[in-house]
Amino acid sequence: MSYEMIAIFMFATMMAMLLTGQRVFGAIGFVAVIAALVLWGDRGGYDIAFSSAMKLMKWYPLLTLPMFIFMGYVLSESKIADDLYKMFHVWMGGLRGGLAIGTIGLMVLISAMNGLSVAGMAIGATIALPELLKRNYDKRMVTGVIQAGSSLGILVPPSVVLVLYAMIARQPVGQLWLAGVIPGLMMAAMFIIYIVIRCWWNPSLGPALPPEERAMPLGEKLKLLRAGLLPLGIFAAMMVPFVNGWTSLVESSAIGAMTAFVAAVLKGRMTRDVFETSVRQTLGISCMFMWIILAAMAFGAVFDGLGAVKAIDTLFTERLGLDPWIILILMQLSFILMGTFLDDTAMLVIVAPLYVPLVKALGFDLVWYGVLYTITCQIAYMTPPFGYNLFLMRAMAPPEITLKDIYGSILPFVLVMVFALAVVMIFPQIALWLPGYIYGN
């Protein structure tokens, strides 16, 4: 059997195992280890898995992963995020669609605190959605707002998904995070512009709150503003030293985790239950990501040994004669297709051994491609029939939000995301300017 056929067989076996409901890291790692043992015997096969584990354990930036996850769960479990929405409620409720705009702002800040889209979805569905529905906002529009806003969690730093991509693509985490800042804020601004236009055209979609509901002494408003801006202060305390070069990425993540913990203690919200839940969730998610990274590295090592990447490069560029940009677009379409039944981490670890070296061989920047991959994952999260965010919303939404409403809510936001993806593809400096500026200085 040729090496090309072995690579295809490995990929098909892995997909078959995933379709049977096996855990992602188990399916990928099993195929990688068995293939290594068959191809190179006991010595070579064991060496691949062992060297991948040692490489993972020695990867210093991986320490940022539990730090940022812990910070996000502390802020979420201690209800500091609730104060943030109350601030948006009071200060922006007088605008048409103001609460929906505030919800996008909430999602951006939650993303900056957690790095996972599920956290934004949980907070948006449990805090923002009932308030929006109670104030006669259009249920389809606000359902789409929460789904689209929560997807920013995997793009805006500290994105956990970009940490995973950095490990697999061997790119600096700090550059990837900085590369996600402007595209993430640009996409949030596009969502807000869409909401403003829709509510200006049809005020019934997002009515302004009556003055009596927003009536509050200025002193209380300012107090609420301070409480709501606390998460932003925590983010600044973490990122400013890193951007200025005073601390390393790992040190900044420790500052963020410690600042969030101290803030919860000072506000009297760091109870035993909050601490235990935050630690348990941090441990569970961190271990899950480490197993996935380990399996992906072993799988990638086998693919490298087979020369599969070079064979695919030759197929696309020489035999089929495809333009590099056509190949890149086909890659993004494949991510959207896989996103209908896989989550972002599964998509990355399945195709990264093929795509990352191919992107490099085609002459594209791997930091820029990490942003493209992440935006495409956001689109895939909201693409029927099995988009990840669609089912999260179905599980968390109140009974009056039907599956038809959820599916019908995402089309305009998906179109906005596709437009944002095209803009970043056409103008790579949108993603590359900030990391170039910071690291260049």
Protein backbone atom coordinates (compact mmCIF):
# COMPACT_ATOMS: atom_id res chain seq x y z
CA MET A 1 0.00 0.00 0.00
CA SER A 2 1.36 3.45 -0.94
CA TYR A 3 1.92 6.15 1.67
CA GLU A 4 -0.85 8.23 0.07
CA MET A 5 -3.34 5.38 0.53
CA ILE A 6 -2.18 4.88 4.13
CA ALA A 7 -2.82 8.59 4.82
CA ILE A 8 -6.30 8.39 3.28
CA PHE A 9 -7.05 5.23 5.29
CA MET A 10 -5.95 6.94 8.51
CA PHE A 11 -8.16 9.93 7.81
CA ALA A 12 -11.17 7.74 6.92
CA THR A 13 -10.71 5.59 10.03
CA MET A 14 -10.56 8.64 12.25
CA MET A 15 -13.72 10.13 10.72
CA ALA A 16 -15.56 6.81 11.11
CA MET A 17 -14.61 6.66 14.80
CA LEU A 18 -15.78 10.24 15.35
CA LEU A 19 -19.12 9.50 13.69
CA THR A 20 -19.67 6.64 16.14
CA GLY A 21 -19.47 9.10 19.02
CA GLN A 22 -15.92 8.46 20.23
CA ARG A 23 -14.13 11.26 22.06
CA VAL A 24 -12.11 13.48 19.74
CA PHE A 25 -8.74 12.94 21.44
CA GLY A 26 -9.38 9.17 21.71
CA ALA A 27 -10.17 8.74 18.01
CA ILE A 28 -7.27 10.87 16.79
CA GLY A 29 -4.72 9.49 19.26
CA PHE A 30 -5.74 5.88 18.68
CA VAL A 31 -5.35 6.16 14.90
CA ALA A 32 -2.02 7.98 15.27
CA VAL A 33 -0.47 5.42 17.65
CA ILE A 34 -1.72 2.35 15.77
CA ALA A 35 -0.50 3.78 12.44
CA ALA A 36 2.90 4.59 13.97
CA LEU A 37 3.26 1.06 15.37
CA VAL A 38 2.28 -0.55 12.06
CA LEU A 39 4.57 1.67 9.99
CA TRP A 40 7.67 1.89 12.16
CA GLY A 41 7.39 -0.93 14.69
CA ASP A 42 7.60 -0.86 18.47
CA ARG A 43 10.55 1.50 18.75
CA GLY A 44 9.49 4.12 16.22
CA GLY A 45 5.80 3.98 17.16
CA TYR A 46 6.41 4.52 20.86
CA ASP A 47 8.91 7.28 20.16
CA ILE A 48 6.36 9.35 18.24
CA ALA A 49 3.79 9.34 21.05
CA PHE A 50 6.45 9.86 23.75
CA SER A 51 8.17 12.74 21.94
CA SER A 52 4.80 14.43 21.32
CA ALA A 53 4.01 14.21 25.05
CA MET A 54 7.41 15.63 26.02
CA LYS A 55 7.07 18.45 23.48
CA LEU A 56 3.66 19.35 24.94
CA MET A 57 4.94 19.32 28.52
CA LYS A 58 7.85 21.60 27.59
CA TRP A 59 5.65 24.16 25.79
CA TYR A 60 5.80 27.02 28.28
CA PRO A 61 2.93 29.16 26.82
CA LEU A 62 0.53 26.29 27.57
CA LEU A 63 0.46 27.58 31.16
CA THR A 64 -1.74 30.42 29.92
CA LEU A 65 -4.57 27.97 29.23
CA PRO A 66 -5.65 27.15 32.82
CA MET A 67 -4.99 30.74 33.93
CA PHE A 68 -7.39 32.30 31.45
CA ILE A 69 -10.03 29.61 31.89
CA PHE A 70 -9.90 30.10 35.67
CA MET A 71 -10.20 33.88 35.25
CA GLY A 72 -13.27 33.49 33.06
CA TYR A 73 -15.04 31.10 35.41
CA VAL A 74 -14.32 33.26 38.48
CA LEU A 75 -15.86 36.29 36.77
CA SER A 76 -18.83 34.26 35.56
CA GLU A 77 -19.55 32.26 38.73
CA SER A 78 -19.12 35.29 41.02
CA LYS A 79 -21.77 37.17 38.98
CA ILE A 80 -19.41 40.04 38.16
CA ALA A 81 -20.61 39.63 34.56
CA ASP A 82 -24.18 40.36 35.74
CA ASP A 83 -23.09 43.85 36.81
CA LEU A 84 -21.82 44.40 33.29
CA TYR A 85 -25.24 43.78 31.77
CA LYS A 86 -26.98 46.00 34.33
CA MET A 87 -24.63 48.80 33.25
CA PHE A 88 -25.56 48.34 29.58
CA HIS A 89 -29.23 48.13 30.55
CA VAL A 90 -29.22 51.53 32.27
CA TRP A 91 -26.82 53.43 30.04
CA MET A 92 -27.98 52.20 26.61
CA GLY A 93 -31.63 51.31 27.15
CA GLY A 94 -32.81 54.66 25.77
CA LEU A 95 -31.61 53.87 22.24
CA ARG A 96 -33.58 51.91 19.68
CA GLY A 97 -32.02 48.47 19.86
CA GLY A 98 -29.87 49.75 22.74
CA LEU A 99 -30.12 46.57 24.80
CA ALA A 100 -29.19 44.45 21.77
CA ILE A 101 -26.19 46.73 21.16
CA GLY A 102 -25.32 46.42 24.85
CA THR A 103 -25.55 42.64 24.53
CA ILE A 104 -22.90 42.70 21.78
CA GLY A 105 -20.74 44.84 24.08
CA LEU A 106 -21.34 42.32 26.87
CA MET A 107 -20.27 39.48 24.58
CA VAL A 108 -17.06 41.27 23.59
CA LEU A 109 -16.10 41.78 27.23
CA ILE A 110 -17.09 38.24 28.19
CA SER A 111 -14.88 37.02 25.33
CA ALA A 112 -12.01 39.10 26.72
CA MET A 113 -12.55 37.47 30.11
CA ASN A 114 -12.98 33.84 29.11
CA GLY A 115 -11.79 32.89 25.62
CA LEU A 116 -14.59 30.34 25.08
CA SER A 117 -17.81 30.89 23.15
CA VAL A 118 -19.86 28.69 25.47
CA ALA A 119 -19.35 31.17 28.35
CA GLY A 120 -20.80 34.04 26.31
CA MET A 121 -23.69 31.86 25.18
CA ALA A 122 -24.50 30.81 28.75
CA ILE A 123 -24.42 34.38 30.08
CA GLY A 124 -26.29 35.80 27.10
CA ALA A 125 -29.03 33.16 27.18
CA THR A 126 -29.57 33.30 30.95
CA ILE A 127 -29.08 37.04 31.64
CA ALA A 128 -29.64 39.04 28.45
CA LEU A 129 -32.24 37.00 26.56
CA PRO A 130 -35.00 37.06 29.24
CA GLU A 131 -34.54 40.83 29.68
CA LEU A 132 -34.71 41.45 25.93
CA LEU A 133 -37.83 39.33 25.49
CA LYS A 134 -39.51 40.97 28.49
CA ARG A 135 -39.04 44.38 26.83
CA ASN A 136 -40.65 43.27 23.56
CA TYR A 137 -37.51 42.89 21.47
CA ASP A 138 -38.02 40.73 18.39
CA LYS A 139 -37.20 37.19 19.47
CA ARG A 140 -35.56 36.20 16.21
CA MET A 141 -33.26 39.19 16.14
CA VAL A 142 -32.11 38.86 19.75
CA THR A 143 -31.60 35.11 19.40
CA GLY A 144 -29.25 35.83 16.50
CA VAL A 145 -27.55 38.61 18.46
CA ILE A 146 -26.64 36.26 21.31
CA GLN A 147 -25.46 33.46 19.03
CA ALA A 148 -23.34 35.78 16.90
CA GLY A 149 -21.98 37.72 19.87
CA SER A 150 -20.98 34.60 21.79
CA SER A 151 -19.03 33.32 18.77
CA LEU A 152 -16.58 36.21 19.30
CA GLY A 153 -15.20 34.27 22.28
CA ILE A 154 -12.97 32.15 20.03
CA LEU A 155 -11.52 35.19 18.20
CA VAL A 156 -11.11 38.00 20.75
CA PRO A 157 -8.10 37.39 23.05
CA PRO A 158 -7.53 35.47 25.22
CA SER A 159 -8.93 32.93 22.75
CA VAL A 160 -8.40 29.35 23.92
CA VAL A 161 -8.86 28.10 20.35
CA LEU A 162 -5.96 30.27 19.16
CA VAL A 163 -3.80 28.74 21.92
CA LEU A 164 -4.58 25.33 20.45
CA TYR A 165 -3.84 26.58 16.91
CA ALA A 166 -0.56 28.10 18.11
CA MET A 167 0.60 24.76 19.48
CA ILE A 168 -0.27 22.82 16.34
CA ALA A 169 0.97 25.45 13.87
CA ARG A 170 4.04 26.30 16.01
CA GLN A 171 3.21 30.01 15.99
CA PRO A 172 3.54 32.56 18.84
CA VAL A 173 0.38 32.75 20.95
CA GLY A 174 0.89 36.46 21.61
CA GLN A 175 0.99 37.30 17.90
CA LEU A 176 -2.13 35.23 17.23
CA TRP A 177 -4.04 36.94 20.03
CA LEU A 178 -3.05 40.39 18.81
CA ALA A 179 -4.00 39.35 15.28
CA GLY A 180 -7.52 38.55 16.50
CA VAL A 181 -8.12 41.93 18.19
CA ILE A 182 -8.95 44.15 15.19
CA PRO A 183 -10.92 41.50 13.23
CA GLY A 184 -12.89 40.69 16.40
CA LEU A 185 -13.73 44.33 17.12
CA MET A 186 -14.48 44.90 13.43
CA MET A 187 -16.95 42.04 13.42
CA ALA A 188 -18.59 43.29 16.63
CA ALA A 189 -18.91 46.75 15.03
CA MET A 190 -20.54 45.15 11.97
CA PHE A 191 -23.07 43.40 14.21
CA ILE A 192 -23.87 46.73 15.92
CA ILE A 193 -24.26 48.53 12.59
CA TYR A 194 -26.66 45.82 11.45
CA ILE A 195 -28.71 46.17 14.66
CA VAL A 196 -28.83 49.98 14.37
CA ILE A 197 -29.98 49.82 10.74
CA ARG A 198 -32.63 47.17 11.41
CA CYS A 199 -34.03 48.98 14.46
CA TRP A 200 -33.99 52.34 12.66
CA TRP A 201 -35.86 50.80 9.73
CA ASN A 202 -38.28 48.89 11.98
CA PRO A 203 -38.40 50.33 15.55
CA SER A 204 -40.65 47.52 16.77
CA LEU A 205 -37.72 45.10 16.56
CA GLY A 206 -35.86 46.85 19.38
CA PRO A 207 -37.94 49.50 21.18
CA ALA A 208 -36.24 52.00 23.48
CA LEU A 209 -36.90 51.56 27.19
CA PRO A 210 -39.39 54.01 28.72
CA PRO A 211 -37.84 56.85 30.77
CA GLU A 212 -39.33 55.63 34.06
CA GLU A 213 -37.49 52.31 33.71
CA ARG A 214 -34.20 54.10 33.22
CA ALA A 215 -34.83 56.68 35.93
CA MET A 216 -31.97 56.53 38.43
CA PRO A 217 -29.97 59.14 40.35
CA LEU A 218 -26.69 60.04 38.67
CA GLY A 219 -24.72 58.78 41.66
CA GLU A 220 -26.25 55.31 41.32
CA LYS A 221 -25.62 55.35 37.58
CA LEU A 222 -21.96 56.15 38.15
CA LYS A 223 -21.71 53.44 40.81
CA LEU A 224 -23.21 50.95 38.39
CA LEU A 225 -20.81 52.15 35.70
CA ARG A 226 -17.83 51.45 37.97
CA ALA A 227 -19.14 47.98 38.80
CA GLY A 228 -19.79 47.21 35.15
CA LEU A 229 -16.37 48.39 34.05
CA LEU A 230 -14.58 46.19 36.60
CA PRO A 231 -14.12 43.33 34.09
CA LEU A 232 -12.64 45.82 31.64
CA GLY A 233 -10.21 46.95 34.34
CA ILE A 234 -9.20 43.34 34.98
CA PHE A 235 -8.57 42.85 31.27
CA ALA A 236 -6.49 46.06 31.14
CA ALA A 237 -4.45 45.00 34.19
CA MET A 238 -3.63 41.79 32.36
CA MET A 239 -3.00 43.04 28.81
CA VAL A 240 -1.32 46.44 29.28
CA PRO A 241 1.86 45.01 30.86
CA PHE A 242 2.03 42.36 28.14
CA VAL A 243 1.54 44.80 25.25
CA ASN A 244 4.18 47.13 26.70
CA GLY A 245 6.65 44.29 27.10
CA TRP A 246 6.77 44.46 30.90
CA THR A 247 5.56 40.89 31.38
CA SER A 248 5.56 37.67 29.37
CA LEU A 249 2.34 36.09 28.16
CA VAL A 250 2.34 33.53 30.97
CA GLU A 251 2.97 36.22 33.60
CA SER A 252 0.10 38.31 32.20
CA SER A 253 -2.25 35.33 32.36
CA ALA A 254 -1.31 34.83 36.03
CA ILE A 255 -1.99 38.54 36.67
CA GLY A 256 -5.42 38.20 35.06
CA ALA A 257 -6.34 35.14 37.11
CA MET A 258 -5.13 36.70 40.36
CA THR A 259 -6.84 40.05 39.65
CA ALA A 260 -10.17 38.33 38.97
CA PHE A 261 -9.84 36.28 42.16
CA VAL A 262 -9.01 39.35 44.28
CA ALA A 263 -11.92 41.31 42.73
CA ALA A 264 -14.35 38.52 43.62
CA VAL A 265 -12.98 38.38 47.19
CA LEU A 266 -13.23 42.16 47.66
CA LYS A 267 -16.82 42.15 46.42
CA GLY A 268 -17.65 39.37 48.90
CA ARG A 269 -18.58 36.88 46.19
CA MET A 270 -15.76 34.35 46.42
CA THR A 271 -17.66 31.67 48.28
CA ARG A 272 -16.54 28.08 48.69
CA ASP A 273 -18.99 26.96 45.98
CA VAL A 274 -17.77 29.60 43.52
CA PHE A 275 -14.13 28.65 44.11
CA GLU A 276 -14.77 24.91 43.86
CA THR A 277 -16.83 25.24 40.68
CA SER A 278 -14.23 27.48 39.05
CA VAL A 279 -11.37 25.11 39.88
CA ARG A 280 -13.26 22.00 38.77
CA GLN A 281 -14.29 23.57 35.45
CA THR A 282 -10.76 24.87 34.87
CA LEU A 283 -9.23 21.46 35.52
CA GLY A 284 -11.74 19.66 33.28
CA ILE A 285 -11.40 21.99 30.29
CA SER A 286 -7.60 22.29 30.60
CA CYS A 287 -7.18 18.51 30.65
CA MET A 288 -9.51 18.14 27.67
CA PHE A 289 -7.47 20.60 25.62
CA MET A 290 -4.16 18.99 26.60
CA TRP A 291 -5.36 15.55 25.51
CA ILE A 292 -6.58 16.99 22.21
CA ILE A 293 -3.28 18.79 21.58
CA LEU A 294 -1.29 15.65 22.42
CA ALA A 295 -3.38 13.52 20.04
CA ALA A 296 -3.12 16.13 17.28
CA MET A 297 0.66 16.34 17.61
CA ALA A 298 1.03 12.57 17.38
CA PHE A 299 -1.29 12.45 14.35
CA GLY A 300 0.63 15.29 12.68
CA ALA A 301 3.96 13.55 13.28
CA VAL A 302 2.72 10.42 11.47
CA PHE A 303 1.43 12.52 8.57
CA ASP A 304 4.78 14.29 8.32
CA GLY A 305 6.54 10.94 8.25
CA LEU A 306 4.29 9.72 5.44
CA GLY A 307 4.92 12.79 3.32
CA ALA A 308 1.15 13.26 2.96
CA VAL A 309 1.36 17.04 3.02
CA LYS A 310 3.81 17.16 0.12
CA ALA A 311 1.63 14.73 -1.85
CA ILE A 312 -1.47 16.91 -1.36
CA ASP A 313 0.47 20.05 -2.27
CA THR A 314 1.62 18.36 -5.49
CA LEU A 315 -1.95 17.21 -6.25
CA PHE A 316 -3.48 20.67 -5.91
CA THR A 317 -0.76 22.86 -7.39
CA GLU A 318 0.83 20.66 -10.07
CA ARG A 319 -1.66 17.98 -11.13
CA LEU A 320 -4.84 20.05 -10.81
CA GLY A 321 -3.10 23.39 -11.40
CA LEU A 322 -5.22 25.26 -8.86
CA ASP A 323 -4.38 28.83 -7.85
CA PRO A 324 -3.24 29.18 -4.20
CA TRP A 325 -6.21 31.43 -3.43
CA ILE A 326 -8.64 28.83 -4.83
CA ILE A 327 -7.04 26.21 -2.58
CA LEU A 328 -7.35 28.56 0.41
CA ILE A 329 -11.05 29.17 -0.28
CA LEU A 330 -11.66 25.42 -0.63
CA MET A 331 -10.03 24.93 2.77
CA GLN A 332 -12.39 27.46 4.35
CA LEU A 333 -15.41 25.81 2.72
CA SER A 334 -14.31 22.44 4.12
CA PHE A 335 -14.20 23.97 7.62
CA ILE A 336 -17.77 25.23 7.22
CA LEU A 337 -18.87 21.79 6.06
CA MET A 338 -17.17 20.03 8.98
CA GLY A 339 -18.61 22.62 11.35
CA THR A 340 -22.07 21.23 10.72
CA PHE A 341 -21.18 18.19 12.84
CA LEU A 342 -17.90 18.95 14.68
CA ASP A 343 -16.75 21.64 17.12
CA ASP A 344 -13.82 23.98 16.50
CA THR A 345 -11.16 21.95 18.31
CA ALA A 346 -12.14 18.76 16.51
CA MET A 347 -12.00 20.52 13.15
CA LEU A 348 -8.58 21.93 13.86
CA VAL A 349 -6.92 18.75 15.07
CA ILE A 350 -8.39 16.70 12.22
CA VAL A 351 -7.17 18.86 9.35
CA ALA A 352 -4.29 20.86 10.87
CA PRO A 353 -1.69 18.20 9.99
CA LEU A 354 -2.71 18.75 6.34
CA TYR A 355 -3.72 22.38 6.15
CA VAL A 356 -1.07 24.18 8.20
CA PRO A 357 1.96 22.87 6.25
CA LEU A 358 0.03 23.33 2.99
CA VAL A 359 -0.78 26.95 3.83
CA LYS A 360 2.90 27.55 4.56
CA ALA A 361 3.94 25.85 1.32
CA LEU A 362 1.52 28.07 -0.62
CA GLY A 363 3.28 31.14 0.78
CA PHE A 364 0.57 32.44 3.15
CA ASP A 365 1.21 33.81 6.64
CA LEU A 366 0.29 31.26 9.33
CA VAL A 367 -0.71 33.93 11.88
CA TRP A 368 -3.11 35.45 9.34
CA TYR A 369 -4.43 32.01 8.48
CA GLY A 370 -5.12 31.35 12.17
CA VAL A 371 -7.50 34.32 12.15
CA LEU A 372 -9.16 33.07 8.94
CA TYR A 373 -9.60 29.63 10.49
CA THR A 374 -11.16 31.11 13.63
CA ILE A 375 -13.61 33.32 11.71
CA THR A 376 -14.60 30.32 9.59
CA CYS A 377 -15.21 28.36 12.80
CA GLN A 378 -17.51 31.16 13.98
CA ILE A 379 -19.50 30.77 10.75
CA ALA A 380 -19.56 26.99 11.12
CA TYR A 381 -20.85 27.36 14.70
CA MET A 382 -24.01 28.98 13.31
CA THR A 383 -24.49 26.96 10.13
CA PRO A 384 -27.43 24.50 9.99
CA PRO A 385 -28.21 21.72 10.33
CA PHE A 386 -25.87 20.93 13.25
CA GLY A 387 -24.11 24.19 14.10
CA TYR A 388 -22.69 24.08 17.64
CA ASN A 389 -24.25 27.38 18.74
CA LEU A 390 -27.66 26.42 17.36
CA PHE A 391 -27.95 23.51 19.77
CA LEU A 392 -26.47 25.42 22.68
CA MET A 393 -29.15 28.06 22.16
CA ARG A 394 -31.85 25.40 21.88
CA ALA A 395 -30.74 23.93 25.22
CA MET A 396 -30.62 27.30 27.04
CA ALA A 397 -33.44 29.31 25.43
CA PRO A 398 -36.92 29.67 27.03
CA PRO A 399 -39.80 27.62 25.55
CA GLU A 400 -41.13 30.47 23.41
CA ILE A 401 -37.93 30.37 21.33
CA THR A 402 -38.49 27.52 18.88
CA LEU A 403 -35.91 25.70 16.76
CA LYS A 404 -37.41 27.46 13.73
CA ASP A 405 -36.74 30.83 15.39
CA ILE A 406 -33.15 29.82 16.16
CA TYR A 407 -32.47 28.68 12.59
CA GLY A 408 -34.18 31.73 11.14
CA SER A 409 -32.25 34.15 13.33
CA ILE A 410 -28.75 33.41 12.12
CA LEU A 411 -28.88 34.19 8.37
CA PRO A 412 -28.11 37.94 8.53
CA PHE A 413 -25.34 37.41 11.08
CA VAL A 414 -23.77 34.62 9.04
CA LEU A 415 -23.77 36.95 6.02
CA VAL A 416 -22.04 39.62 8.13
CA MET A 417 -19.42 37.05 9.19
CA VAL A 418 -18.84 35.93 5.60
CA PHE A 419 -18.34 39.57 4.62
CA ALA A 420 -15.88 40.03 7.51
CA LEU A 421 -14.00 36.90 6.43
CA ALA A 422 -13.73 38.22 2.87
CA VAL A 423 -12.47 41.59 4.12
CA VAL A 424 -9.72 39.97 6.23
CA MET A 425 -8.75 37.71 3.30
CA ILE A 426 -8.51 40.66 0.89
CA PHE A 427 -6.75 42.93 3.38
CA PRO A 428 -4.42 40.71 5.51
CA GLN A 429 -3.01 43.74 7.34
CA ILE A 430 -6.27 44.01 9.28
CA ALA A 431 -5.02 40.97 11.20
CA LEU A 432 -1.26 41.44 10.83
CA TRP A 433 -0.82 45.15 11.58
CA LEU A 434 -1.19 45.02 15.38
CA PRO A 435 1.15 42.04 16.02
CA GLY A 436 3.65 43.57 13.58
CA TYR A 437 3.47 46.92 15.36
CA ILE A 438 3.74 45.51 18.90
CA TYR A 439 6.41 42.93 18.23
CA GLY A 440 8.22 45.24 15.80
CA ASN A 441 8.69 47.71 18.62
